[in-house]
PDB file of N, CA and C in Angstrom:
ATOM      1  N   MET A   1      83.957 107.114 121.614  1.00  0.00           N
ATOM      2  CA  MET A   1      84.972 107.633 122.415  1.00  0.00           C
ATOM      3  C   MET A   1      86.260 106.516 122.946  1.00  0.00           C
ATOM      4  N   VAL A   2      85.831 105.527 123.322  1.00  0.00           N
ATOM      5  CA  VAL A   2      86.385 104.357 123.381  1.00  0.00           C
ATOM      6  C   VAL A   2      87.738 104.017 122.030  1.00  0.00           C
ATOM      7  N   ALA A   3      87.272 103.794 120.771  1.00  0.00           N
ATOM      8  CA  ALA A   3      88.197 103.260 119.625  1.00  0.00           C
ATOM      9  C   ALA A   3      89.082 105.195 119.996  1.00  0.00           C
ATOM     10  N   ARG A   4      88.690 105.664 120.087  1.00  0.00           N
ATOM     11  CA  ARG A   4      89.686 106.773 119.760  1.00  0.00           C
ATOM     12  C   ARG A   4      90.422 106.864 121.133  1.00  0.00           C
ATOM     13  N   LEU A   5      90.128 106.122 122.216  1.00  0.00           N
ATOM     14  CA  LEU A   5      91.221 106.525 123.419  1.00  0.00           C
ATOM     15  C   LEU A   5      92.453 104.685 123.193  1.00  0.00           C
ATOM     16  N   ASN A   6      91.739 103.991 122.659  1.00  0.00           N
ATOM     17  CA  ASN A   6      92.091 102.703 121.845  1.00  0.00           C
ATOM     18  C   ASN A   6      93.292 102.914 121.447  1.00  0.00           C
ATOM     19  N   VAL A   7      93.312 104.421 120.031  1.00  0.00           N
ATOM     20  CA  VAL A   7      93.508 104.689 119.443  1.00  0.00           C
ATOM     21  C   VAL A   7      94.904 105.074 119.797  1.00  0.00           C
ATOM     22  N   ILE A   8      94.348 105.922 120.748  1.00  0.00           N
ATOM     23  CA  ILE A   8      96.022 106.715 120.646  1.00  0.00           C
ATOM     24  C   ILE A   8      96.827 105.881 121.779  1.00  0.00           C
ATOM     25  N   LEU A   9      96.010 104.895 123.058  1.00  0.00           N
ATOM     26  CA  LEU A   9      96.921 104.124 123.331  1.00  0.00           C
ATOM     27  C   LEU A   9      97.656 102.794 122.029  1.00  0.00           C
ATOM     28  N   ILE A  10      97.619 102.689 121.649  1.00  0.00           N
ATOM     29  CA  ILE A  10      98.086 102.328 120.583  1.00  0.00           C
ATOM     30  C   ILE A  10      99.291 102.579 120.006  1.00  0.00           C
ATOM     31  N   LEU A  11      99.198 103.799 119.566  1.00  0.00           N
ATOM     32  CA  LEU A  11     100.300 104.731 118.971  1.00  0.00           C
ATOM     33  C   LEU A  11     101.577 104.883 120.094  1.00  0.00           C
ATOM     34  N   PHE A  12     100.377 105.042 121.423  1.00  0.00           N
ATOM     35  CA  PHE A  12     101.581 105.558 122.354  1.00  0.00           C
ATOM     36  C   PHE A  12     102.801 104.680 122.760  1.00  0.00           C
ATOM     37  N   SER A  13     101.970 103.084 123.070  1.00  0.00           N
ATOM     38  CA  SER A  13     102.680 102.045 123.544  1.00  0.00           C
ATOM     39  C   SER A  13     104.141 101.437 121.544  1.00  0.00           C
ATOM     40  N   ALA A  14     103.120 102.119 120.108  1.00  0.00           N
ATOM     41  CA  ALA A  14     104.037 101.554 119.371  1.00  0.00           C
ATOM     42  C   ALA A  14     105.259 102.159 119.682  1.00  0.00           C
ATOM     43  N   VAL A  15     105.450 103.668 119.886  1.00  0.00           N
ATOM     44  CA  VAL A  15     105.594 105.310 119.776  1.00  0.00           C
ATOM     45  C   VAL A  15     107.252 104.597 120.850  1.00  0.00           C
ATOM     46  N   SER A  16     106.636 104.098 121.870  1.00  0.00           N
ATOM     47  CA  SER A  16     107.266 103.915 123.440  1.00  0.00           C
ATOM     48  C   SER A  16     108.676 102.679 121.801  1.00  0.00           C
ATOM     49  N   PHE A  17     107.692 101.654 121.880  1.00  0.00           N
ATOM     50  CA  PHE A  17     109.365 100.576 121.476  1.00  0.00           C
ATOM     51  C   PHE A  17     109.949 100.909 121.065  1.00  0.00           C
ATOM     52  N   LEU A  18     109.397 101.470 119.913  1.00  0.00           N
ATOM     53  CA  LEU A  18     110.057 101.868 118.826  1.00  0.00           C
ATOM     54  C   LEU A  18     110.983 103.232 119.544  1.00  0.00           C
ATOM     55  N   GLY A  19     111.033 103.084 120.417  1.00  0.00           N
ATOM     56  CA  GLY A  19     112.282 103.761 121.107  1.00  0.00           C
ATOM     57  C   GLY A  19     113.444 103.321 121.658  1.00  0.00           C
ATOM     58  N   TYR A  20     112.033 102.395 122.857  1.00  0.00           N
ATOM     59  CA  TYR A  20     113.026 101.003 123.514  1.00  0.00           C
ATOM     60  C   TYR A  20     113.731 100.892 122.147  1.00  0.00           C
ATOM     61  N   GLY A  21     113.384  99.724 121.651  1.00  0.00           N
ATOM     62  CA  GLY A  21     114.172  98.781 120.270  1.00  0.00           C
ATOM     63  C   GLY A  21     115.350  99.797 119.676  1.00  0.00           C
ATOM     64  N   ALA A  22     115.521 100.544 119.167  1.00  0.00           N
ATOM     65  CA  ALA A  22     115.744 101.635 118.616  1.00  0.00           C
ATOM     66  C   ALA A  22     117.250 102.125 119.810  1.00  0.00           C
ATOM     67  N   ALA A  23     116.777 102.282 121.252  1.00  0.00           N
ATOM     68  CA  ALA A  23     118.015 102.706 122.175  1.00  0.00           C
ATOM     69  C   ALA A  23     118.429 100.868 122.137  1.00  0.00           C
ATOM     70  N   CYS A  24     118.477  99.947 122.411  1.00  0.00           N
ATOM     71  CA  CYS A  24     118.675  98.339 121.450  1.00  0.00           C
ATOM     72  C   CYS A  24     119.832  98.519 120.881  1.00  0.00           C
ATOM     73  N   PHE A  25     120.357  99.601 120.705  1.00  0.00           N
ATOM     74  CA  PHE A  25     120.865  99.272 119.211  1.00  0.00           C
ATOM     75  C   PHE A  25     122.214 100.678 119.540  1.00  0.00           C
ATOM     76  N   PHE A  26     121.765 101.635 119.716  1.00  0.00           N
ATOM     77  CA  PHE A  26     121.981 103.087 119.776  1.00  0.00           C
ATOM     78  C   PHE A  26     122.497 103.778 121.046  1.00  0.00           C
ATOM     79  N   SER A  27     122.138 102.962 122.430  1.00  0.00           N
ATOM     80  CA  SER A  27     122.222 103.745 123.479  1.00  0.00           C
ATOM     81  C   SER A  27     123.343 103.033 125.017  1.00  0.00           C
ATOM     82  N   ALA A  28     123.998 103.936 124.705  1.00  0.00           N
ATOM     83  CA  ALA A  28     124.973 103.338 125.884  1.00  0.00           C
ATOM     84  C   ALA A  28     124.195 103.006 127.319  1.00  0.00           C
ATOM     85  N   TYR A  29     123.806 103.662 127.817  1.00  0.00           N
ATOM     86  CA  TYR A  29     123.112 102.989 129.054  1.00  0.00           C
ATOM     87  C   TYR A  29     122.054 102.595 128.645  1.00  0.00           C
ATOM     88  N   MET A  30     121.781 102.097 127.518  1.00  0.00           N
ATOM     89  CA  MET A  30     120.790 100.288 127.729  1.00  0.00           C
ATOM     90  C   MET A  30     121.645  99.319 127.821  1.00  0.00           C
ATOM     91  N   LYS A  31     122.865  99.295 127.007  1.00  0.00           N
ATOM     92  CA  LYS A  31     123.773  98.995 126.849  1.00  0.00           C
ATOM     93  C   LYS A  31     124.342  97.621 128.780  1.00  0.00           C
ATOM     94  N   ARG A  32     124.257  99.528 128.998  1.00  0.00           N
ATOM     95  CA  ARG A  32     124.844  99.053 130.807  1.00  0.00           C
ATOM     96  C   ARG A  32     123.354  98.496 131.146  1.00  0.00           C
ATOM     97  N   GLU A  33     122.199  98.889 131.329  1.00  0.00           N
ATOM     98  CA  GLU A  33     121.043  98.013 131.754  1.00  0.00           C
ATOM     99  C   GLU A  33     120.781  96.801 131.521  1.00  0.00           C
ATOM    100  N   PHE A  34     120.950  96.139 130.588  1.00  0.00           N
ATOM    101  CA  PHE A  34     120.653  94.644 129.448  1.00  0.00           C
ATOM    102  C   PHE A  34     122.137  94.547 130.482  1.00  0.00           C
ATOM    103  N   ASP A  35     123.371  94.479 130.362  1.00  0.00           N
ATOM    104  CA  ASP A  35     124.504  93.912 131.180  1.00  0.00           C
ATOM    105  C   ASP A  35     123.913  93.571 132.254  1.00  0.00           C
ATOM    106  N   ARG A  36     122.968  95.376 133.443  1.00  0.00           N
ATOM    107  CA  ARG A  36     122.959  94.988 134.640  1.00  0.00           C
ATOM    108  C   ARG A  36     121.887  93.414 135.205  1.00  0.00           C
ATOM    109  N   TYR A  37     120.954  93.648 133.559  1.00  0.00           N
ATOM    110  CA  TYR A  37     119.770  92.610 133.915  1.00  0.00           C
ATOM    111  C   TYR A  37     119.974  90.994 133.376  1.00  0.00           C
ATOM    112  N   HIS A  38     121.771  90.918 133.474  1.00  0.00           N
ATOM    113  CA  HIS A  38     121.749  90.021 133.180  1.00  0.00           C
ATOM    114  C   HIS A  38     121.427  89.882 131.724  1.00  0.00           C
ATOM    115  N   LEU A  39     121.600  90.391 130.613  1.00  0.00           N
ATOM    116  CA  LEU A  39     120.795  89.762 128.890  1.00  0.00           C
ATOM    117  C   LEU A  39     121.853  90.676 128.564  1.00  0.00           C
ATOM    118  N   GLY A  40     122.413  90.466 128.420  1.00  0.00           N
ATOM    119  CA  GLY A  40     123.735  91.682 127.545  1.00  0.00           C
ATOM    120  C   GLY A  40     123.770  90.966 126.270  1.00  0.00           C
ATOM    121  N   ALA A  41     123.886  89.596 126.221  1.00  0.00           N
ATOM    122  CA  ALA A  41     123.312  89.566 124.894  1.00  0.00           C
ATOM    123  C   ALA A  41     122.357  88.680 124.128  1.00  0.00           C
ATOM    124  N   GLN A  42     121.233  89.237 125.275  1.00  0.00           N
ATOM    125  CA  GLN A  42     120.288  89.284 124.705  1.00  0.00           C
ATOM    126  C   GLN A  42     119.752  90.581 123.518  1.00  0.00           C
ATOM    127  N   ARG A  43     120.169  91.144 124.078  1.00  0.00           N
ATOM    128  CA  ARG A  43     119.497  92.925 124.164  1.00  0.00           C
ATOM    129  C   ARG A  43     119.542  93.436 122.734  1.00  0.00           C
ATOM    130  N   ALA A  44     120.678  92.641 120.965  1.00  0.00           N
ATOM    131  CA  ALA A  44     120.348  92.789 119.940  1.00  0.00           C
ATOM    132  C   ALA A  44     118.625  92.713 119.604  1.00  0.00           C
ATOM    133  N   LEU A  45     118.036  90.766 120.221  1.00  0.00           N
ATOM    134  CA  LEU A  45     117.656  90.190 119.788  1.00  0.00           C
ATOM    135  C   LEU A  45     116.120  90.462 120.304  1.00  0.00           C
ATOM    136  N   ILE A  46     116.246  91.457 121.501  1.00  0.00           N
ATOM    137  CA  ILE A  46     114.657  92.031 122.455  1.00  0.00           C
ATOM    138  C   ILE A  46     114.766  93.083 121.682  1.00  0.00           C
ATOM    139  N   GLY A  47     115.650  93.457 120.651  1.00  0.00           N
ATOM    140  CA  GLY A  47     115.395  95.190 119.552  1.00  0.00           C
ATOM    141  C   GLY A  47     114.752  94.756 119.091  1.00  0.00           C
ATOM    142  N   CYS A  48     115.777  94.076 118.400  1.00  0.00           N
ATOM    143  CA  CYS A  48     114.415  93.705 117.054  1.00  0.00           C
ATOM    144  C   CYS A  48     112.626  92.664 117.667  1.00  0.00           C
ATOM    145  N   LEU A  49     112.642  91.843 118.390  1.00  0.00           N
ATOM    146  CA  LEU A  49     111.677  91.716 118.791  1.00  0.00           C
ATOM    147  C   LEU A  49     110.834  93.441 118.903  1.00  0.00           C
ATOM    148  N   GLN A  50     110.833  93.439 120.148  1.00  0.00           N
ATOM    149  CA  GLN A  50     110.551  94.989 120.783  1.00  0.00           C
ATOM    150  C   GLN A  50     109.648  96.269 118.639  1.00  0.00           C
ATOM    151  N   LEU A  51     110.874  96.650 118.364  1.00  0.00           N
ATOM    152  CA  LEU A  51     110.553  97.230 117.172  1.00  0.00           C
ATOM    153  C   LEU A  51     109.848  96.352 115.567  1.00  0.00           C
ATOM    154  N   SER A  52     109.688  94.567 115.696  1.00  0.00           N
ATOM    155  CA  SER A  52     108.305  93.759 114.789  1.00  0.00           C
ATOM    156  C   SER A  52     107.026  94.400 116.024  1.00  0.00           C
ATOM    157  N   ALA A  53     107.393  94.646 116.828  1.00  0.00           N
ATOM    158  CA  ALA A  53     105.904  94.215 117.599  1.00  0.00           C
ATOM    159  C   ALA A  53     105.675  95.895 117.900  1.00  0.00           C
ATOM    160  N   ALA A  54     106.221  96.882 118.046  1.00  0.00           N
ATOM    161  CA  ALA A  54     106.456  98.120 117.831  1.00  0.00           C
ATOM    162  C   ALA A  54     105.276  98.063 115.701  1.00  0.00           C
ATOM    163  N   LEU A  55     105.781  97.483 115.338  1.00  0.00           N
ATOM    164  CA  LEU A  55     104.935  97.749 113.980  1.00  0.00           C
ATOM    165  C   LEU A  55     104.686  96.891 114.027  1.00  0.00           C
ATOM    166  N   GLY A  56     104.266  95.147 114.198  1.00  0.00           N
ATOM    167  CA  GLY A  56     102.636  94.431 114.640  1.00  0.00           C
ATOM    168  C   GLY A  56     101.855  95.626 115.049  1.00  0.00           C
ATOM    169  N   LEU A  57     101.863  96.333 116.050  1.00  0.00           N
ATOM    170  CA  LEU A  57     100.867  97.644 116.754  1.00  0.00           C
ATOM    171  C   LEU A  57     100.115  98.186 115.740  1.00  0.00           C
ATOM    172  N   LEU A  58     100.839  98.981 114.928  1.00  0.00           N
ATOM    173  CA  LEU A  58     100.660 100.049 114.032  1.00  0.00           C
ATOM    174  C   LEU A  58     100.007  99.187 112.835  1.00  0.00           C
ATOM    175  N   ALA A  59     100.545  97.946 112.700  1.00  0.00           N
ATOM    176  CA  ALA A  59      99.693  96.579 111.257  1.00  0.00           C
ATOM    177  C   ALA A  59      98.250  96.906 112.291  1.00  0.00           C
ATOM    178  N   GLY A  60      98.337  96.616 113.681  1.00  0.00           N
ATOM    179  CA  GLY A  60      96.666  96.648 114.070  1.00  0.00           C
ATOM    180  C   GLY A  60      96.164  97.236 113.709  1.00  0.00           C
ATOM    181  N   LEU A  61      96.827  98.668 113.113  1.00  0.00           N
ATOM    182  CA  LEU A  61      95.068  99.153 112.874  1.00  0.00           C
ATOM    183  C   LEU A  61      94.332  98.745 111.729  1.00  0.00           C
ATOM    184  N   SER A  62      95.137  98.116 111.243  1.00  0.00           N
ATOM    185  CA  SER A  62      94.852  98.215 110.238  1.00  0.00           C
ATOM    186  C   SER A  62      94.026  96.326 109.382  1.00  0.00           C
ATOM    187  N   GLN A  63      94.717  95.570 110.744  1.00  0.00           N
ATOM    188  CA  GLN A  63      94.481  94.110 110.314  1.00  0.00           C
ATOM    189  C   GLN A  63      94.627  93.807 112.219  1.00  0.00           C
ATOM    190  N   PRO A  64      93.215  94.255 112.927  1.00  0.00           N
ATOM    191  CA  PRO A  64      92.961  93.883 113.869  1.00  0.00           C
ATOM    192  C   PRO A  64      94.218  92.461 115.120  1.00  0.00           C
ATOM    193  N   TRP A  65      94.102  91.723 113.490  1.00  0.00           N
ATOM    194  CA  TRP A  65      94.575  90.513 114.410  1.00  0.00           C
ATOM    195  C   TRP A  65      96.022  90.400 114.161  1.00  0.00           C
ATOM    196  N   MET A  66      96.451  91.424 114.173  1.00  0.00           N
ATOM    197  CA  MET A  66      98.007  91.115 113.813  1.00  0.00           C
ATOM    198  C   MET A  66      98.622  92.640 115.283  1.00  0.00           C
ATOM    199  N   GLY A  67      98.254  93.029 115.124  1.00  0.00           N
ATOM    200  CA  GLY A  67      97.847  94.702 116.330  1.00  0.00           C
ATOM    201  C   GLY A  67      97.441  93.247 117.740  1.00  0.00           C
ATOM    202  N   ARG A  68      96.942  91.893 118.124  1.00  0.00           N
ATOM    203  CA  ARG A  68      96.616  91.316 119.536  1.00  0.00           C
ATOM    204  C   ARG A  68      97.333  91.195 119.276  1.00  0.00           C
ATOM    205  N   ALA A  69      98.408  90.312 118.519  1.00  0.00           N
ATOM    206  CA  ALA A  69      99.021  89.275 118.462  1.00  0.00           C
ATOM    207  C   ALA A  69     100.639  89.746 118.740  1.00  0.00           C
ATOM    208  N   ALA A  70     100.897  90.648 118.493  1.00  0.00           N
ATOM    209  CA  ALA A  70     101.828  92.189 119.159  1.00  0.00           C
ATOM    210  C   ALA A  70     101.448  92.878 120.712  1.00  0.00           C
ATOM    211  N   ALA A  71     100.497  92.760 120.540  1.00  0.00           N
ATOM    212  CA  ALA A  71     100.229  93.549 121.734  1.00  0.00           C
ATOM    213  C   ALA A  71     100.700  92.204 123.161  1.00  0.00           C
ATOM    214  N   ALA A  72     100.065  91.133 122.151  1.00  0.00           N
ATOM    215  CA  ALA A  72     100.263  90.185 123.321  1.00  0.00           C
ATOM    216  C   ALA A  72     101.103  89.508 123.747  1.00  0.00           C
ATOM    217  N   GLY A  73     102.879  89.445 122.978  1.00  0.00           N
ATOM    218  CA  GLY A  73     103.854  89.490 122.473  1.00  0.00           C
ATOM    219  C   GLY A  73     104.568  90.078 123.744  1.00  0.00           C
ATOM    220  N   LEU A  74     104.070  91.999 123.313  1.00  0.00           N
ATOM    221  CA  LEU A  74     104.615  92.665 124.333  1.00  0.00           C
ATOM    222  C   LEU A  74     104.538  92.377 125.641  1.00  0.00           C
ATOM    223  N   ALA A  75     103.755  92.509 126.033  1.00  0.00           N
ATOM    224  CA  ALA A  75     102.635  91.963 127.092  1.00  0.00           C
ATOM    225  C   ALA A  75     103.037  90.652 127.977  1.00  0.00           C
ATOM    226  N   LEU A  76     103.791  89.672 126.867  1.00  0.00           N
ATOM    227  CA  LEU A  76     104.614  88.788 127.687  1.00  0.00           C
ATOM    228  C   LEU A  76     106.025  88.906 128.104  1.00  0.00           C
ATOM    229  N   MET A  77     106.754  89.898 127.011  1.00  0.00           N
ATOM    230  CA  MET A  77     107.950  90.530 126.710  1.00  0.00           C
ATOM    231  C   MET A  77     107.527  91.105 128.039  1.00  0.00           C
ATOM    232  N   MET A  78     107.230  91.985 128.193  1.00  0.00           N
ATOM    233  CA  MET A  78     106.598  92.830 130.273  1.00  0.00           C
ATOM    234  C   MET A  78     106.855  92.203 131.559  1.00  0.00           C
ATOM    235  N   LEU A  79     105.795  91.523 131.138  1.00  0.00           N
ATOM    236  CA  LEU A  79     105.308  89.851 132.706  1.00  0.00           C
ATOM    237  C   LEU A  79     107.131  89.452 132.393  1.00  0.00           C
ATOM    238  N   VAL A  80     108.699  88.865 131.441  1.00  0.00           N
ATOM    239  CA  VAL A  80     109.641  89.108 131.769  1.00  0.00           C
ATOM    240  C   VAL A  80     111.031  89.624 132.539  1.00  0.00           C
ATOM    241  N   GLY A  81     109.858  90.863 132.231  1.00  0.00           N
ATOM    242  CA  GLY A  81     110.984  91.431 131.822  1.00  0.00           C
ATOM    243  C   GLY A  81     110.158  92.347 133.292  1.00  0.00           C
ATOM    244  N   VAL A  82     109.542  91.998 134.479  1.00  0.00           N
ATOM    245  CA  VAL A  82     108.472  92.201 135.910  1.00  0.00           C
ATOM    246  C   VAL A  82     109.636  91.321 136.658  1.00  0.00           C
ATOM    247  N   GLY A  83     109.355  89.661 135.863  1.00  0.00           N
ATOM    248  CA  GLY A  83     110.510  89.045 136.645  1.00  0.00           C
ATOM    249  C   GLY A  83     111.813  88.797 136.651  1.00  0.00           C
ATOM    250  N   VAL A  84     112.442  89.307 136.072  1.00  0.00           N
ATOM    251  CA  VAL A  84     113.780  90.615 135.983  1.00  0.00           C
ATOM    252  C   VAL A  84     113.825  91.253 136.732  1.00  0.00           C
ATOM    253  N   ARG A  85     113.501  92.250 136.904  1.00  0.00           N
ATOM    254  CA  ARG A  85     113.346  93.007 138.005  1.00  0.00           C
ATOM    255  C   ARG A  85     113.963  92.707 139.289  1.00  0.00           C
ATOM    256  N   ILE A  86     112.316  92.031 139.406  1.00  0.00           N
ATOM    257  CA  ILE A  86     112.343  91.000 141.072  1.00  0.00           C
ATOM    258  C   ILE A  86     113.821  90.246 140.923  1.00  0.00           C
ATOM    259  N   ARG A  87     113.809  89.499 140.618  1.00  0.00           N
ATOM    260  CA  ARG A  87     115.389  88.608 140.575  1.00  0.00           C
ATOM    261  C   ARG A  87     116.412  88.855 140.282  1.00  0.00           C
ATOM    262  N   ILE A  88     116.882  90.922 139.228  1.00  0.00           N
ATOM    263  CA  ILE A  88     117.965  91.689 140.072  1.00  0.00           C
ATOM    264  C   ILE A  88     117.690  92.222 141.747  1.00  0.00           C
ATOM    265  N   LYS A  89     116.576  92.614 141.775  1.00  0.00           N
ATOM    266  CA  LYS A  89     116.457  92.873 143.769  1.00  0.00           C
ATOM    267  C   LYS A  89     115.340  94.534 142.806  1.00  0.00           C
ATOM    268  N   ASP A  90     115.472  94.734 141.825  1.00  0.00           N
ATOM    269  CA  ASP A  90     115.476  96.171 141.439  1.00  0.00           C
ATOM    270  C   ASP A  90     113.853  96.928 142.868  1.00  0.00           C
ATOM    271  N   SER A  91     114.011  98.017 142.995  1.00  0.00           N
ATOM    272  CA  SER A  91     113.197  98.508 143.066  1.00  0.00           C
ATOM    273  C   SER A  91     111.363  98.115 143.000  1.00  0.00           C
ATOM    274  N   LEU A  92     110.314  98.990 144.062  1.00  0.00           N
ATOM    275  CA  LEU A  92     109.114  98.813 143.381  1.00  0.00           C
ATOM    276  C   LEU A  92     108.989 100.138 142.179  1.00  0.00           C
ATOM    277  N   ILE A  93     109.936 101.865 142.194  1.00  0.00           N
ATOM    278  CA  ILE A  93     109.764 102.424 141.764  1.00  0.00           C
ATOM    279  C   ILE A  93     110.476 101.921 139.941  1.00  0.00           C
ATOM    280  N   GLN A  94     111.556 102.037 140.432  1.00  0.00           N
ATOM    281  CA  GLN A  94     112.572 100.989 139.189  1.00  0.00           C
ATOM    282  C   GLN A  94     111.612  99.912 137.986  1.00  0.00           C
ATOM    283  N   THR A  95     110.386  98.757 138.393  1.00  0.00           N
ATOM    284  CA  THR A  95     109.828  98.094 138.017  1.00  0.00           C
ATOM    285  C   THR A  95     108.284  98.622 137.632  1.00  0.00           C
ATOM    286  N   VAL A  96     108.218 100.144 137.621  1.00  0.00           N
ATOM    287  CA  VAL A  96     106.645  99.861 137.400  1.00  0.00           C
ATOM    288  C   VAL A  96     106.524 100.463 135.833  1.00  0.00           C
ATOM    289  N   PRO A  97     107.533 101.324 135.680  1.00  0.00           N
ATOM    290  CA  PRO A  97     107.358 101.130 133.778  1.00  0.00           C
ATOM    291  C   PRO A  97     107.103  99.510 133.605  1.00  0.00           C
ATOM    292  N   ALA A  98     108.255  98.894 133.468  1.00  0.00           N
ATOM    293  CA  ALA A  98     107.312  97.511 132.936  1.00  0.00           C
ATOM    294  C   ALA A  98     106.184  96.761 133.669  1.00  0.00           C
ATOM    295  N   LEU A  99     105.333  96.999 134.622  1.00  0.00           N
ATOM    296  CA  LEU A  99     104.393  96.514 135.345  1.00  0.00           C
ATOM    297  C   LEU A  99     103.273  97.637 134.441  1.00  0.00           C
ATOM    298  N   PHE A 100     103.621  98.971 133.933  1.00  0.00           N
ATOM    299  CA  PHE A 100     102.502  99.756 133.113  1.00  0.00           C
ATOM    300  C   PHE A 100     102.615  99.162 131.711  1.00  0.00           C
ATOM    301  N   TYR A 101     103.817  98.483 131.036  1.00  0.00           N
ATOM    302  CA  TYR A 101     103.560  98.193 129.830  1.00  0.00           C
ATOM    303  C   TYR A 101     102.573  97.210 129.497  1.00  0.00           C
ATOM    304  N   MET A 102     103.380  95.964 130.402  1.00  0.00           N
ATOM    305  CA  MET A 102     102.645  94.867 130.286  1.00  0.00           C
ATOM    306  C   MET A 102     101.616  95.046 130.538  1.00  0.00           C
ATOM    307  N   ALA A 103     100.504  95.867 131.723  1.00  0.00           N
ATOM    308  CA  ALA A 103      99.355  95.968 131.916  1.00  0.00           C
ATOM    309  C   ALA A 103      98.849  96.568 130.407  1.00  0.00           C
ATOM    310  N   LEU A 104      99.583  97.288 130.252  1.00  0.00           N
ATOM    311  CA  LEU A 104      98.625  98.654 128.789  1.00  0.00           C
ATOM    312  C   LEU A 104      98.987  97.823 128.057  1.00  0.00           C
ATOM    313  N   ASN A 105      99.673  96.233 127.517  1.00  0.00           N
ATOM    314  CA  ASN A 105      99.900  96.172 126.069  1.00  0.00           C
ATOM    315  C   ASN A 105      98.762  94.821 126.727  1.00  0.00           C
ATOM    316  N   ALA A 106      98.891  94.182 127.700  1.00  0.00           N
ATOM    317  CA  ALA A 106      97.423  93.308 128.343  1.00  0.00           C
ATOM    318  C   ALA A 106      96.043  93.088 127.659  1.00  0.00           C
ATOM    319  N   TYR A 107      96.090  94.930 127.424  1.00  0.00           N
ATOM    320  CA  TYR A 107      94.793  95.866 127.143  1.00  0.00           C
ATOM    321  C   TYR A 107      94.139  95.458 126.103  1.00  0.00           C
ATOM    322  N   LEU A 108      95.767  95.706 125.697  1.00  0.00           N
ATOM    323  CA  LEU A 108      95.900  96.013 123.733  1.00  0.00           C
ATOM    324  C   LEU A 108      95.023  94.513 124.214  1.00  0.00           C
ATOM    325  N   SER A 109      95.765  93.930 123.648  1.00  0.00           N
ATOM    326  CA  SER A 109      95.654  92.456 123.110  1.00  0.00           C
ATOM    327  C   SER A 109      94.119  91.740 122.997  1.00  0.00           C
ATOM    328  N   PHE A 110      93.666  92.282 124.601  1.00  0.00           N
ATOM    329  CA  PHE A 110      92.538  92.165 124.549  1.00  0.00           C
ATOM    330  C   PHE A 110      90.977  92.379 124.220  1.00  0.00           C
ATOM    331  N   ALA A 111      91.726  93.850 124.044  1.00  0.00           N
ATOM    332  CA  ALA A 111      90.423  95.089 124.033  1.00  0.00           C
ATOM    333  C   ALA A 111      89.524  95.775 122.962  1.00  0.00           C
ATOM    334  N   ALA A 112      91.488  96.348 122.078  1.00  0.00           N
ATOM    335  CA  ALA A 112      91.783  97.695 121.692  1.00  0.00           C
ATOM    336  C   ALA A 112      91.257  96.941 120.152  1.00  0.00           C
ATOM    337  N   PHE A 113      91.721  96.127 119.842  1.00  0.00           N
ATOM    338  CA  PHE A 113      91.592  95.732 118.692  1.00  0.00           C
ATOM    339  C   PHE A 113      90.831  94.898 118.010  1.00  0.00           C
TER     340      PHE A 113
END
């Protein structure tokens, strides 16, 4: 039962970051958000890192070390994201998604693979 839940959580995170990573390149809304975060110049890099980590999560289903590394990287990225949200004085509601993905990927890096 736990193994099945872990696979679902891995797939959820991977699909989420495939979407977020792609949106970094194709979404005008994401371009505005990165400008608001004062990270406009890093948008493409962050998108590439998110896409790579999402693929790493999927690869982790057969190579656990890769999944752990990808999840740890995403958890760290989301920790920085929480810091950015605090720095720009976003509300708690605006910060919750980054907190959620930070916690989810921290869990995945330690317990799911």
